[in-house]
Every structure is written in structure tokens, then in C-alpha cells.
Protein backbone atom coordinates (compact mmCIF):
# COMPACT_ATOMS: atom_id res chain seq x y z
CA MET A 1 -16.09 21.27 53.40
CA GLY A 2 -15.89 17.48 53.97
CA ASN A 3 -15.00 14.78 52.10
CA THR A 4 -17.35 13.05 49.71
CA THR A 5 -18.25 9.26 49.83
CA SER A 6 -16.22 8.82 46.41
CA GLU A 7 -13.42 11.08 47.72
CA HIS A 8 -13.09 8.63 50.88
CA ASN A 9 -13.09 6.09 48.66
CA MET A 10 -10.07 7.13 46.48
CA ASN A 11 -8.08 8.30 49.69
CA SER A 12 -9.10 4.58 51.05
CA LEU A 13 -8.07 2.85 47.82
CA ARG A 14 -4.80 4.55 47.54
CA ASN A 15 -3.31 3.24 50.98
CA LEU A 16 -4.66 -0.31 50.66
CA THR A 17 -2.13 -3.16 51.20
CA ASP A 18 -1.60 -5.64 48.07
CA ASN A 19 -3.27 -8.43 49.72
CA GLN A 20 -6.45 -5.98 50.21
CA ARG A 21 -6.06 -4.65 46.69
CA ARG A 22 -6.27 -8.41 45.93
CA VAL A 23 -9.19 -9.25 48.08
CA LEU A 24 -11.14 -6.30 46.68
CA GLN A 25 -10.17 -7.20 43.38
CA ALA A 26 -11.58 -10.75 43.70
CA LEU A 27 -14.71 -9.69 45.03
CA SER A 28 -15.27 -7.12 42.55
CA GLU A 29 -14.79 -9.88 39.46
CA ALA A 30 -16.91 -12.74 40.94
CA THR A 31 -20.40 -13.29 39.95
CA GLY A 32 -21.72 -13.70 43.75
CA PRO A 33 -20.39 -13.34 47.22
CA LEU A 34 -17.77 -14.88 48.19
CA GLY A 35 -16.32 -16.64 51.54
CA ALA A 36 -13.08 -16.65 53.15
CA TYR A 37 -12.23 -20.31 51.65
CA ALA A 38 -13.65 -19.24 48.31
CA LEU A 39 -10.48 -16.13 48.71
CA LEU A 40 -8.10 -18.03 49.80
CA GLU A 41 -8.31 -20.75 46.89
CA ARG A 42 -8.67 -17.92 44.29
CA LEU A 43 -5.96 -15.87 45.64
CA ASP A 44 -3.44 -18.58 46.92
CA PHE A 45 -2.90 -16.65 50.10
CA SER A 46 -0.77 -18.82 52.68
CA GLY A 47 -3.74 -19.21 55.25
CA LEU A 48 -6.88 -17.66 56.37
CA THR A 49 -5.08 -15.11 58.74
CA GLN A 50 -4.20 -13.09 55.56
CA VAL A 51 -7.72 -13.21 54.17
CA TYR A 52 -9.40 -12.34 57.40
CA ARG A 53 -6.97 -9.58 58.13
CA ALA A 54 -7.62 -8.05 54.59
CA LEU A 55 -11.36 -8.33 54.91
CA ASP A 56 -11.38 -6.72 58.18
CA ARG A 57 -9.49 -3.77 57.33
CA LEU A 58 -11.81 -3.49 53.87
CA ILE A 59 -14.76 -3.72 55.82
CA ALA A 60 -13.43 -0.78 58.28
CA LEU A 61 -13.01 1.29 55.36
CA GLY A 62 -16.59 0.61 53.91
CA LEU A 63 -15.09 -1.05 51.04
CA VAL A 64 -16.84 -4.54 51.74
CA GLN A 65 -19.77 -5.90 53.39
CA ARG A 66 -20.51 -9.02 54.77
CA LEU A 67 -23.35 -11.05 54.32
CA GLU A 68 -24.21 -12.71 57.53
CA SER A 69 -26.79 -15.32 56.31
CA LEU A 70 -24.21 -16.75 53.88
CA ASN A 71 -20.98 -15.93 55.73
CA ALA A 72 -19.70 -14.32 52.69
CA TYR A 73 -18.40 -10.87 51.48
CA VAL A 74 -19.40 -8.27 48.57
CA PRO A 75 -17.92 -4.88 47.44
CA SER A 76 -19.79 -2.19 48.55
CA SER A 77 -21.38 0.16 45.92
CA GLU A 78 -20.90 3.84 46.08
CA HIS A 79 -24.29 4.17 47.89
CA ASP A 80 -23.84 1.88 50.85
CA ALA A 81 -22.01 4.15 52.97
CA SER A 82 -24.65 6.96 52.92
CA HIS A 83 -27.67 4.69 52.80
CA PRO A 84 -29.25 1.32 54.18
CA THR A 85 -28.56 -1.19 51.92
CA ALA A 86 -30.55 -4.55 51.40
CA PHE A 87 -29.32 -7.78 49.48
CA ALA A 88 -31.40 -9.71 47.29
CA ILE A 89 -29.62 -13.18 46.74
CA CYS A 90 -30.82 -15.93 44.38
CA ASP A 91 -31.05 -19.12 46.11
CA GLN A 92 -30.24 -21.37 42.92
CA CYS A 93 -27.16 -19.53 41.50
CA GLY A 94 -26.01 -17.37 44.46
CA ILE A 95 -26.00 -14.11 42.59
CA SER A 96 -26.46 -10.94 44.73
CA THR A 97 -27.89 -7.37 43.99
CA THR A 98 -27.74 -4.70 46.43
CA TRP A 99 -30.41 -2.24 46.90
CA SER A 100 -30.17 0.97 48.41
CA THR A 101 -33.12 3.19 49.89
CA VAL A 102 -32.32 5.78 46.92
CA ARG A 103 -33.24 2.87 44.13
CA TRP A 104 -36.18 1.63 46.19
CA ARG A 105 -37.79 5.40 46.01
CA ILE A 106 -36.90 5.64 42.35
CA ALA A 107 -38.55 2.21 41.91
CA SER A 108 -41.55 2.97 43.80
CA ASN A 109 -42.06 6.51 42.22
CA ALA A 110 -41.91 5.06 38.35
């Protein structure tokens, strides 16, 4: 039997480098999407290369998503890997919310 999304995420988390863990934690604790420069400042890395390497790996593992319109990053939810996701981003405060097709179906049936 294949791995579930949760099992895959747990295995991915075990194999993260320290930099990848720090980037994922910073994104998880943020109130909105963060760009590479914001991550660089928060984490005090020696350069953007470290940030982008961590982000590239986290994206490849499905743990982080890039918001192209903002050139920023957010942590993935458990549903992101298996369902299409839309992001609602407040123009005033920058807080983002994710909506998977599962949540859309539940909301439309309520």
C-alpha cells in the first residue's frame, strides 16, 4: 500500500537540513507570505543562496508553495498535495488563506 500524504510529509520532515527546517518554521510562524529577503533577515543566513536552496528543496517536497503574484512563499497545508489550491490574499494586511477544492465543496454545500 502506498504512502498517504501525512506519511509522506512526516518522512520529508525527518530528512530536512537545519536550514530547511529553519525556513519552514519561519514560514509556519509568519502571519502572511514571506519573500526571500524577509527570510534572509529573519534567519540571519549569510546570503540569499542559502534561502533559495532551502526553498527549492521545500517546494520539491511539497512542504512550501510559491505565490508568484507576490514573489513570496507559504507553507503547504495537508490538502495541497492532493487537491488544487487557491489563495486569497488581503491587499491591506497581506494575510493569506488557502482554499482547496475540498473546502470549496464543503462551503458550497452548507
